[in-house]
Amino acid sequence: MRKKKTMFEEIIFPGFVLLGLWTYFKTSSLSKSLMALFGLLFLYAITLIIKQFFHQKKLLKSGIQQIDEMTGRQFEEYLSELLRRQGYKVRLTKSTGDFGADLVLTSTGGKVIVVQAKRYKNNVGIKAVQEVGTSMLHYNAAEAWVITNSYYTKAARTLAKSNGVHLYNRDDLIGWILTGKKVS
């Protein structure tokens, strides 16, 4: 399967190269054209860093109503930033083929925690608990969590209790947002 080209590959980088070539032909100076090219690349990198900073800030300002409107992946990104701000090292897994975990956390003490993120309109069922529970071995994790903007079915709560999976629901999420209370 062919990888889709990014806007950087298709437009921005070729534009930078053309500007560097144009600078070379106008000045006949290789050093000036390279300075122009690397200067543009530097400005582009700074722009991306600033854009990412504001994206993360915007995610954290989201309230529960905005979370309810997010896609599943946006919810995973939101949780990633929320947990990162609480001191966890966070790795988002691939959208597909994630082996049952959407996030892999590492605490400051080195404990690995797998997280299944469920942005649902209805109650989360047993499948999420099963998936995150089985992902523990794959990711060599000490704990498994399911975090949702909703609540859990009785079967999900029962299985989680018997398997040691931590369930965090809508009320927990609202508490973390409002108070900055640490997830534990």
N, C-alpha and C. Protein backbone atom coordinates (compact mmCIF):
# COMPACT_ATOMS: atom_id res chain seq x y z
N MET A 1 0.84 -1.18 0.00
CA MET A 1 0.00 0.00 0.00
C MET A 1 0.88 1.24 0.00
N ARG A 2 0.58 2.18 -0.87
CA ARG A 2 1.39 3.37 -1.02
C ARG A 2 1.06 4.40 0.04
N LYS A 3 2.10 4.98 0.62
CA LYS A 3 1.93 6.00 1.67
C LYS A 3 1.47 7.31 1.03
N LYS A 4 0.48 7.94 1.65
CA LYS A 4 -0.01 9.22 1.17
C LYS A 4 1.02 10.30 1.49
N LYS A 5 1.33 11.13 0.49
CA LYS A 5 2.30 12.19 0.70
C LYS A 5 1.70 13.31 1.55
N THR A 6 2.55 13.89 2.38
CA THR A 6 2.10 15.00 3.23
C THR A 6 2.20 16.31 2.46
N MET A 7 1.58 17.34 3.01
CA MET A 7 1.66 18.66 2.39
C MET A 7 3.11 19.15 2.36
N PHE A 8 3.89 18.78 3.38
CA PHE A 8 5.29 19.17 3.42
C PHE A 8 6.04 18.56 2.23
N GLU A 9 5.81 17.27 1.96
CA GLU A 9 6.49 16.58 0.87
C GLU A 9 6.06 17.09 -0.50
N GLU A 10 4.77 17.43 -0.63
CA GLU A 10 4.24 17.83 -1.93
C GLU A 10 4.45 19.30 -2.27
N ILE A 11 4.33 20.17 -1.28
CA ILE A 11 4.30 21.60 -1.58
C ILE A 11 5.42 22.38 -0.89
N ILE A 12 5.51 22.25 0.43
CA ILE A 12 6.38 23.13 1.19
C ILE A 12 7.86 22.88 0.89
N PHE A 13 8.32 21.64 1.03
CA PHE A 13 9.74 21.37 0.80
C PHE A 13 10.15 21.68 -0.64
N PRO A 14 9.38 21.25 -1.66
CA PRO A 14 9.78 21.65 -3.02
C PRO A 14 9.80 23.17 -3.21
N GLY A 15 8.87 23.87 -2.54
CA GLY A 15 8.88 25.34 -2.61
C GLY A 15 10.13 25.93 -1.98
N PHE A 16 10.56 25.37 -0.87
CA PHE A 16 11.80 25.82 -0.21
C PHE A 16 13.00 25.58 -1.13
N VAL A 17 13.05 24.41 -1.75
CA VAL A 17 14.16 24.09 -2.65
C VAL A 17 14.18 25.06 -3.84
N LEU A 18 13.00 25.32 -4.40
CA LEU A 18 12.92 26.26 -5.52
C LEU A 18 13.37 27.66 -5.10
N LEU A 19 12.99 28.07 -3.90
CA LEU A 19 13.42 29.38 -3.40
C LEU A 19 14.93 29.40 -3.20
N GLY A 20 15.48 28.30 -2.70
CA GLY A 20 16.93 28.20 -2.55
C GLY A 20 17.64 28.27 -3.89
N LEU A 21 17.10 27.58 -4.91
CA LEU A 21 17.68 27.64 -6.27
C LEU A 21 17.55 29.05 -6.85
N TRP A 22 16.41 29.67 -6.66
CA TRP A 22 16.20 31.03 -7.16
C TRP A 22 17.22 31.98 -6.52
N THR A 23 17.44 31.82 -5.19
CA THR A 23 18.42 32.65 -4.48
C THR A 23 19.81 32.43 -5.06
N TYR A 24 20.14 31.17 -5.37
CA TYR A 24 21.45 30.86 -5.94
C TYR A 24 21.62 31.55 -7.30
N PHE A 25 20.60 31.45 -8.15
CA PHE A 25 20.72 32.06 -9.48
C PHE A 25 20.73 33.58 -9.42
N LYS A 26 20.06 34.17 -8.45
CA LYS A 26 20.05 35.63 -8.32
C LYS A 26 21.36 36.16 -7.72
N THR A 27 21.96 35.39 -6.79
CA THR A 27 23.14 35.89 -6.07
C THR A 27 24.43 35.19 -6.49
N SER A 28 24.32 34.06 -7.17
CA SER A 28 25.48 33.22 -7.52
C SER A 28 26.27 32.82 -6.28
N SER A 29 25.57 32.71 -5.16
CA SER A 29 26.23 32.38 -3.90
C SER A 29 25.57 31.13 -3.30
N LEU A 30 26.36 30.07 -3.23
CA LEU A 30 25.86 28.84 -2.65
C LEU A 30 25.53 29.02 -1.17
N SER A 31 26.39 29.77 -0.46
CA SER A 31 26.16 29.96 0.98
C SER A 31 24.86 30.74 1.22
N LYS A 32 24.55 31.74 0.42
CA LYS A 32 23.31 32.50 0.60
C LYS A 32 22.09 31.64 0.28
N SER A 33 22.19 30.82 -0.74
CA SER A 33 21.04 29.97 -1.08
C SER A 33 20.82 28.91 0.00
N LEU A 34 21.91 28.35 0.55
CA LEU A 34 21.76 27.38 1.63
C LEU A 34 21.22 28.04 2.90
N MET A 35 21.66 29.28 3.17
CA MET A 35 21.13 30.02 4.32
C MET A 35 19.63 30.25 4.15
N ALA A 36 19.22 30.60 2.93
CA ALA A 36 17.80 30.82 2.68
C ALA A 36 17.02 29.52 2.89
N LEU A 37 17.54 28.41 2.35
CA LEU A 37 16.86 27.13 2.48
C LEU A 37 16.76 26.70 3.94
N PHE A 38 17.88 26.73 4.67
CA PHE A 38 17.87 26.30 6.07
C PHE A 38 17.11 27.28 6.96
N GLY A 39 17.13 28.55 6.60
CA GLY A 39 16.34 29.53 7.34
C GLY A 39 14.84 29.24 7.22
N LEU A 40 14.41 28.91 6.02
CA LEU A 40 13.00 28.56 5.82
C LEU A 40 12.63 27.27 6.55
N LEU A 41 13.52 26.28 6.50
CA LEU A 41 13.27 25.03 7.22
C LEU A 41 13.19 25.28 8.72
N PHE A 42 14.05 26.15 9.23
CA PHE A 42 14.03 26.49 10.65
C PHE A 42 12.71 27.18 11.02
N LEU A 43 12.28 28.15 10.21
CA LEU A 43 11.01 28.84 10.47
C LEU A 43 9.83 27.87 10.41
N TYR A 44 9.88 26.94 9.47
CA TYR A 44 8.82 25.94 9.36
C TYR A 44 8.78 25.06 10.61
N ALA A 45 9.94 24.64 11.10
CA ALA A 45 10.01 23.81 12.31
C ALA A 45 9.46 24.57 13.52
N ILE A 46 9.82 25.83 13.65
CA ILE A 46 9.32 26.65 14.76
C ILE A 46 7.80 26.78 14.66
N THR A 47 7.29 26.98 13.46
CA THR A 47 5.84 27.08 13.25
C THR A 47 5.13 25.81 13.69
N LEU A 48 5.71 24.65 13.34
CA LEU A 48 5.11 23.38 13.75
C LEU A 48 5.11 23.22 15.26
N ILE A 49 6.18 23.62 15.91
CA ILE A 49 6.27 23.51 17.37
C ILE A 49 5.22 24.40 18.03
N ILE A 50 5.09 25.62 17.55
CA ILE A 50 4.09 26.54 18.11
C ILE A 50 2.68 26.01 17.86
N LYS A 51 2.43 25.50 16.66
CA LYS A 51 1.12 24.94 16.33
C LYS A 51 0.79 23.77 17.26
N GLN A 52 1.75 22.88 17.51
CA GLN A 52 1.55 21.74 18.40
C GLN A 52 1.27 22.21 19.83
N PHE A 53 1.99 23.24 20.29
CA PHE A 53 1.79 23.78 21.63
C PHE A 53 0.35 24.27 21.80
N PHE A 54 -0.15 25.04 20.83
CA PHE A 54 -1.51 25.57 20.94
C PHE A 54 -2.55 24.47 20.78
N HIS A 55 -2.25 23.46 19.98
CA HIS A 55 -3.15 22.32 19.83
C HIS A 55 -3.30 21.60 21.17
N GLN A 56 -2.19 21.37 21.87
CA GLN A 56 -2.23 20.70 23.17
C GLN A 56 -2.97 21.55 24.21
N LYS A 57 -2.73 22.86 24.16
CA LYS A 57 -3.40 23.76 25.10
C LYS A 57 -4.92 23.75 24.86
N LYS A 58 -5.30 23.75 23.60
CA LYS A 58 -6.72 23.71 23.25
C LYS A 58 -7.36 22.41 23.71
N LEU A 59 -6.66 21.30 23.54
CA LEU A 59 -7.19 20.01 23.99
C LEU A 59 -7.49 20.03 25.48
N LEU A 60 -6.57 20.60 26.26
CA LEU A 60 -6.75 20.60 27.71
C LEU A 60 -7.87 21.53 28.17
N LYS A 61 -8.18 22.54 27.38
CA LYS A 61 -9.25 23.46 27.76
C LYS A 61 -10.63 22.88 27.43
N SER A 62 -10.65 21.77 26.73
CA SER A 62 -11.92 21.16 26.36
C SER A 62 -12.70 20.77 27.59
N GLY A 63 -13.97 21.03 27.57
CA GLY A 63 -14.86 20.58 28.63
C GLY A 63 -15.48 19.25 28.23
N ILE A 64 -16.31 18.71 29.08
CA ILE A 64 -16.90 17.40 28.83
C ILE A 64 -17.80 17.43 27.60
N GLN A 65 -18.47 18.56 27.33
CA GLN A 65 -19.33 18.64 26.15
C GLN A 65 -18.50 18.53 24.87
N GLN A 66 -17.33 19.16 24.86
CA GLN A 66 -16.45 19.07 23.70
C GLN A 66 -15.90 17.65 23.56
N ILE A 67 -15.61 17.02 24.68
CA ILE A 67 -15.12 15.64 24.66
C ILE A 67 -16.18 14.72 24.05
N ASP A 68 -17.45 14.96 24.41
CA ASP A 68 -18.54 14.14 23.87
C ASP A 68 -18.64 14.24 22.35
N GLU A 69 -18.14 15.30 21.77
CA GLU A 69 -18.20 15.51 20.32
C GLU A 69 -16.93 15.05 19.60
N MET A 70 -15.91 14.68 20.34
CA MET A 70 -14.64 14.27 19.72
C MET A 70 -14.78 12.93 19.03
N THR A 71 -13.87 12.69 18.08
CA THR A 71 -13.75 11.34 17.53
C THR A 71 -12.99 10.50 18.53
N GLY A 72 -12.95 9.22 18.30
CA GLY A 72 -12.19 8.34 19.19
C GLY A 72 -10.73 8.71 19.25
N ARG A 73 -10.13 9.02 18.10
CA ARG A 73 -8.70 9.37 18.06
C ARG A 73 -8.45 10.70 18.76
N GLN A 74 -9.35 11.68 18.58
CA GLN A 74 -9.19 12.96 19.27
C GLN A 74 -9.25 12.76 20.77
N PHE A 75 -10.13 11.86 21.23
CA PHE A 75 -10.23 11.56 22.66
C PHE A 75 -8.93 10.94 23.16
N GLU A 76 -8.35 10.05 22.38
CA GLU A 76 -7.06 9.45 22.75
C GLU A 76 -5.98 10.53 22.87
N GLU A 77 -5.96 11.47 21.91
CA GLU A 77 -4.98 12.56 21.95
C GLU A 77 -5.22 13.46 23.16
N TYR A 78 -6.48 13.72 23.46
CA TYR A 78 -6.83 14.53 24.63
C TYR A 78 -6.32 13.86 25.90
N LEU A 79 -6.62 12.57 26.06
CA LEU A 79 -6.15 11.84 27.24
C LEU A 79 -4.63 11.81 27.30
N SER A 80 -4.01 11.67 26.14
CA SER A 80 -2.55 11.66 26.09
C SER A 80 -1.98 12.94 26.70
N GLU A 81 -2.53 14.06 26.31
CA GLU A 81 -2.04 15.34 26.83
C GLU A 81 -2.39 15.51 28.31
N LEU A 82 -3.60 15.11 28.70
CA LEU A 82 -4.02 15.21 30.09
C LEU A 82 -3.10 14.38 31.00
N LEU A 83 -2.79 13.17 30.58
CA LEU A 83 -1.94 12.29 31.38
C LEU A 83 -0.48 12.73 31.35
N ARG A 84 -0.05 13.27 30.24
CA ARG A 84 1.32 13.79 30.14
C ARG A 84 1.51 14.94 31.12
N ARG A 85 0.51 15.80 31.23
CA ARG A 85 0.57 16.93 32.16
C ARG A 85 0.56 16.47 33.61
N GLN A 86 0.13 15.25 33.85
CA GLN A 86 0.11 14.70 35.20
C GLN A 86 1.39 13.93 35.51
N GLY A 87 2.35 13.98 34.60
CA GLY A 87 3.65 13.40 34.89
C GLY A 87 3.93 12.05 34.25
N TYR A 88 2.97 11.51 33.53
CA TYR A 88 3.20 10.24 32.86
C TYR A 88 3.92 10.45 31.53
N LYS A 89 4.78 9.53 31.19
CA LYS A 89 5.32 9.47 29.83
C LYS A 89 4.27 8.71 29.03
N VAL A 90 3.80 9.28 27.93
CA VAL A 90 2.67 8.72 27.20
C VAL A 90 3.07 8.40 25.76
N ARG A 91 2.65 7.21 25.33
CA ARG A 91 2.84 6.83 23.92
C ARG A 91 1.49 6.43 23.36
N LEU A 92 1.07 7.10 22.30
CA LEU A 92 -0.15 6.72 21.59
C LEU A 92 0.18 5.53 20.70
N THR A 93 -0.67 4.52 20.71
CA THR A 93 -0.44 3.38 19.83
C THR A 93 -1.06 3.68 18.46
N LYS A 94 -0.83 2.80 17.50
CA LYS A 94 -1.41 2.96 16.18
C LYS A 94 -2.93 2.91 16.27
N SER A 95 -3.60 3.54 15.30
CA SER A 95 -5.07 3.55 15.30
C SER A 95 -5.64 2.14 15.13
N THR A 96 -4.97 1.34 14.31
CA THR A 96 -5.40 -0.05 14.13
C THR A 96 -4.24 -0.96 14.48
N GLY A 97 -4.57 -2.15 14.91
CA GLY A 97 -3.52 -3.09 15.30
C GLY A 97 -2.81 -2.66 16.57
N ASP A 98 -3.57 -2.13 17.53
CA ASP A 98 -2.96 -1.61 18.76
C ASP A 98 -2.86 -2.66 19.87
N PHE A 99 -3.28 -3.89 19.59
CA PHE A 99 -3.22 -5.01 20.53
C PHE A 99 -4.02 -4.73 21.81
N GLY A 100 -5.05 -3.89 21.71
CA GLY A 100 -5.95 -3.68 22.84
C GLY A 100 -5.65 -2.48 23.71
N ALA A 101 -4.61 -1.71 23.38
CA ALA A 101 -4.28 -0.52 24.18
C ALA A 101 -4.17 0.69 23.26
N ASP A 102 -4.80 1.77 23.66
CA ASP A 102 -4.72 3.02 22.89
C ASP A 102 -3.55 3.88 23.35
N LEU A 103 -3.23 3.80 24.63
CA LEU A 103 -2.13 4.56 25.22
C LEU A 103 -1.28 3.61 26.05
N VAL A 104 0.02 3.87 26.06
CA VAL A 104 0.92 3.15 26.96
C VAL A 104 1.59 4.21 27.82
N LEU A 105 1.35 4.14 29.12
CA LEU A 105 1.89 5.12 30.06
C LEU A 105 3.07 4.52 30.81
N THR A 106 4.00 5.38 31.17
CA THR A 106 5.07 5.00 32.07
C THR A 106 5.09 6.03 33.19
N SER A 107 4.95 5.57 34.41
CA SER A 107 4.95 6.49 35.56
C SER A 107 6.38 6.93 35.85
N THR A 108 6.52 7.91 36.72
CA THR A 108 7.85 8.39 37.09
C THR A 108 8.65 7.28 37.76
N GLY A 109 7.98 6.33 38.38
CA GLY A 109 8.65 5.19 39.00
C GLY A 109 8.96 4.06 38.03
N GLY A 110 8.55 4.22 36.76
CA GLY A 110 8.85 3.21 35.74
C GLY A 110 7.76 2.18 35.53
N LYS A 111 6.64 2.31 36.23
CA LYS A 111 5.54 1.35 36.06
C LYS A 111 4.84 1.59 34.72
N VAL A 112 4.62 0.52 33.96
CA VAL A 112 3.95 0.61 32.66
C VAL A 112 2.46 0.32 32.85
N ILE A 113 1.62 1.19 32.25
CA ILE A 113 0.17 1.08 32.35
C ILE A 113 -0.41 1.16 30.94
N VAL A 114 -1.27 0.20 30.60
CA VAL A 114 -1.95 0.26 29.30
C VAL A 114 -3.33 0.85 29.51
N VAL A 115 -3.75 1.67 28.54
CA VAL A 115 -5.04 2.36 28.65
C VAL A 115 -5.86 2.12 27.40
N GLN A 116 -7.10 1.75 27.60
CA GLN A 116 -8.09 1.68 26.53
C GLN A 116 -8.98 2.91 26.70
N ALA A 117 -9.03 3.76 25.69
CA ALA A 117 -9.83 4.99 25.74
C ALA A 117 -11.12 4.77 24.97
N LYS A 118 -12.25 5.04 25.62
CA LYS A 118 -13.54 4.83 24.98
C LYS A 118 -14.39 6.09 25.08
N ARG A 119 -14.50 6.79 23.95
CA ARG A 119 -15.36 7.96 23.87
C ARG A 119 -16.68 7.45 23.30
N TYR A 120 -17.65 7.22 24.20
CA TYR A 120 -18.91 6.58 23.84
C TYR A 120 -20.09 7.46 24.23
N LYS A 121 -21.21 7.23 23.53
CA LYS A 121 -22.47 7.86 23.93
C LYS A 121 -23.21 6.95 24.90
N ASN A 122 -23.00 5.63 24.77
CA ASN A 122 -23.64 4.64 25.64
C ASN A 122 -22.63 4.10 26.64
N ASN A 123 -23.10 3.22 27.51
CA ASN A 123 -22.21 2.61 28.48
C ASN A 123 -21.21 1.68 27.80
N VAL A 124 -20.01 1.63 28.35
CA VAL A 124 -18.93 0.80 27.82
C VAL A 124 -19.13 -0.62 28.34
N GLY A 125 -19.04 -1.57 27.43
CA GLY A 125 -19.27 -2.97 27.77
C GLY A 125 -18.00 -3.74 28.08
N ILE A 126 -18.18 -5.03 28.16
CA ILE A 126 -17.16 -5.97 28.59
C ILE A 126 -15.97 -6.05 27.63
N LYS A 127 -16.20 -5.78 26.34
CA LYS A 127 -15.15 -5.92 25.32
C LYS A 127 -13.93 -5.05 25.63
N ALA A 128 -14.16 -3.83 26.06
CA ALA A 128 -13.04 -2.92 26.37
C ALA A 128 -12.18 -3.47 27.51
N VAL A 129 -12.82 -4.06 28.49
CA VAL A 129 -12.10 -4.64 29.64
C VAL A 129 -11.29 -5.85 29.17
N GLN A 130 -11.89 -6.67 28.32
CA GLN A 130 -11.19 -7.84 27.79
C GLN A 130 -9.97 -7.41 26.97
N GLU A 131 -10.15 -6.43 26.10
CA GLU A 131 -9.06 -6.00 25.22
C GLU A 131 -7.88 -5.44 26.01
N VAL A 132 -8.15 -4.54 26.94
CA VAL A 132 -7.05 -3.93 27.68
C VAL A 132 -6.39 -4.95 28.61
N GLY A 133 -7.18 -5.87 29.13
CA GLY A 133 -6.62 -6.90 29.99
C GLY A 133 -5.63 -7.79 29.24
N THR A 134 -5.98 -8.15 28.01
CA THR A 134 -5.07 -9.00 27.24
C THR A 134 -3.87 -8.23 26.70
N SER A 135 -3.97 -6.92 26.63
CA SER A 135 -2.84 -6.12 26.11
C SER A 135 -1.71 -6.00 27.12
N MET A 136 -1.99 -6.31 28.38
CA MET A 136 -0.96 -6.15 29.42
C MET A 136 0.29 -6.98 29.13
N LEU A 137 0.11 -8.22 28.73
CA LEU A 137 1.26 -9.07 28.43
C LEU A 137 2.05 -8.54 27.23
N HIS A 138 1.32 -8.13 26.20
CA HIS A 138 2.00 -7.63 25.00
C HIS A 138 2.89 -6.43 25.30
N TYR A 139 2.39 -5.51 26.13
CA TYR A 139 3.12 -4.29 26.44
C TYR A 139 3.93 -4.39 27.74
N ASN A 140 3.94 -5.58 28.34
CA ASN A 140 4.68 -5.82 29.59
C ASN A 140 4.26 -4.81 30.66
N ALA A 141 2.94 -4.66 30.82
CA ALA A 141 2.39 -3.66 31.72
C ALA A 141 2.04 -4.23 33.09
N ALA A 142 2.12 -3.38 34.09
CA ALA A 142 1.78 -3.76 35.46
C ALA A 142 0.31 -3.49 35.76
N GLU A 143 -0.29 -2.55 35.02
CA GLU A 143 -1.70 -2.18 35.25
C GLU A 143 -2.41 -1.98 33.93
N ALA A 144 -3.75 -2.08 33.99
CA ALA A 144 -4.59 -1.81 32.83
C ALA A 144 -5.74 -0.90 33.27
N TRP A 145 -6.01 0.12 32.45
CA TRP A 145 -7.08 1.07 32.73
C TRP A 145 -8.00 1.17 31.51
N VAL A 146 -9.27 1.45 31.77
CA VAL A 146 -10.19 1.89 30.72
C VAL A 146 -10.71 3.25 31.18
N ILE A 147 -10.62 4.23 30.29
CA ILE A 147 -11.08 5.58 30.60
C ILE A 147 -12.16 5.94 29.59
N THR A 148 -13.30 6.42 30.07
CA THR A 148 -14.40 6.77 29.18
C THR A 148 -15.03 8.11 29.59
N ASN A 149 -15.72 8.70 28.63
CA ASN A 149 -16.52 9.89 28.90
C ASN A 149 -17.94 9.48 29.29
N SER A 150 -18.17 8.18 29.41
CA SER A 150 -19.48 7.63 29.72
C SER A 150 -19.40 6.83 31.03
N TYR A 151 -20.13 5.73 31.09
CA TYR A 151 -20.13 4.85 32.26
C TYR A 151 -19.95 3.42 31.79
N TYR A 152 -20.03 2.45 32.69
CA TYR A 152 -19.78 1.05 32.37
C TYR A 152 -21.00 0.18 32.65
N THR A 153 -21.12 -0.88 31.89
CA THR A 153 -22.17 -1.86 32.16
C THR A 153 -21.79 -2.65 33.42
N LYS A 154 -22.79 -3.31 34.00
CA LYS A 154 -22.52 -4.12 35.18
C LYS A 154 -21.53 -5.23 34.86
N ALA A 155 -21.67 -5.86 33.70
CA ALA A 155 -20.76 -6.93 33.30
C ALA A 155 -19.32 -6.42 33.18
N ALA A 156 -19.15 -5.22 32.63
CA ALA A 156 -17.80 -4.64 32.51
C ALA A 156 -17.20 -4.38 33.88
N ARG A 157 -18.02 -3.85 34.81
CA ARG A 157 -17.53 -3.59 36.17
C ARG A 157 -17.16 -4.88 36.88
N THR A 158 -17.96 -5.92 36.70
CA THR A 158 -17.69 -7.22 37.33
C THR A 158 -16.39 -7.82 36.81
N LEU A 159 -16.22 -7.84 35.47
CA LEU A 159 -15.00 -8.41 34.90
C LEU A 159 -13.77 -7.60 35.29
N ALA A 160 -13.91 -6.29 35.28
CA ALA A 160 -12.78 -5.43 35.65
C ALA A 160 -12.34 -5.71 37.08
N LYS A 161 -13.29 -5.86 37.96
CA LYS A 161 -12.97 -6.13 39.36
C LYS A 161 -12.24 -7.46 39.51
N SER A 162 -12.70 -8.49 38.83
CA SER A 162 -12.07 -9.81 38.97
C SER A 162 -10.72 -9.89 38.27
N ASN A 163 -10.46 -8.98 37.32
CA ASN A 163 -9.19 -9.00 36.59
C ASN A 163 -8.25 -7.86 36.98
N GLY A 164 -8.64 -7.04 37.93
CA GLY A 164 -7.77 -5.96 38.39
C GLY A 164 -7.63 -4.82 37.40
N VAL A 165 -8.60 -4.66 36.51
CA VAL A 165 -8.58 -3.55 35.55
C VAL A 165 -9.24 -2.35 36.20
N HIS A 166 -8.58 -1.20 36.16
CA HIS A 166 -9.11 0.03 36.74
C HIS A 166 -10.05 0.71 35.74
N LEU A 167 -11.24 1.05 36.19
CA LEU A 167 -12.21 1.73 35.34
C LEU A 167 -12.38 3.18 35.79
N TYR A 168 -12.24 4.10 34.86
CA TYR A 168 -12.44 5.52 35.14
C TYR A 168 -13.58 5.99 34.24
N ASN A 169 -14.62 6.58 34.87
CA ASN A 169 -15.81 6.95 34.12
C ASN A 169 -15.93 8.46 33.94
N ARG A 170 -17.09 8.88 33.47
CA ARG A 170 -17.37 10.29 33.18
C ARG A 170 -17.12 11.19 34.39
N ASP A 171 -17.56 10.75 35.56
CA ASP A 171 -17.39 11.56 36.76
C ASP A 171 -15.91 11.74 37.10
N ASP A 172 -15.14 10.67 36.95
CA ASP A 172 -13.69 10.75 37.19
C ASP A 172 -13.05 11.74 36.22
N LEU A 173 -13.43 11.63 34.94
CA LEU A 173 -12.87 12.50 33.91
C LEU A 173 -13.19 13.96 34.18
N ILE A 174 -14.43 14.24 34.55
CA ILE A 174 -14.82 15.62 34.88
C ILE A 174 -14.01 16.12 36.07
N GLY A 175 -13.82 15.28 37.06
CA GLY A 175 -13.01 15.66 38.23
C GLY A 175 -11.58 16.00 37.83
N TRP A 176 -10.99 15.21 36.95
CA TRP A 176 -9.61 15.47 36.50
C TRP A 176 -9.54 16.80 35.76
N ILE A 177 -10.54 17.06 34.94
CA ILE A 177 -10.57 18.30 34.16
C ILE A 177 -10.72 19.51 35.08
N LEU A 178 -11.67 19.45 36.00
CA LEU A 178 -11.97 20.59 36.86
C LEU A 178 -10.92 20.87 37.92
N THR A 179 -10.36 19.83 38.49
CA THR A 179 -9.46 20.05 39.62
C THR A 179 -8.00 19.79 39.29
N GLY A 180 -7.76 19.19 38.15
CA GLY A 180 -6.38 18.80 37.84
C GLY A 180 -5.93 17.65 38.71
N LYS A 181 -6.91 16.97 39.34
CA LYS A 181 -6.60 15.84 40.23
C LYS A 181 -5.86 14.76 39.45
N LYS A 182 -4.81 14.24 40.07
CA LYS A 182 -3.99 13.23 39.43
C LYS A 182 -4.74 11.91 39.31
N VAL A 183 -4.60 11.28 38.13
CA VAL A 183 -5.15 9.96 37.88
C VAL A 183 -4.28 8.97 38.64
N SER A 184 -4.89 8.07 39.38
CA SER A 184 -4.08 7.06 40.09
C SER A 184 -4.81 5.74 40.16
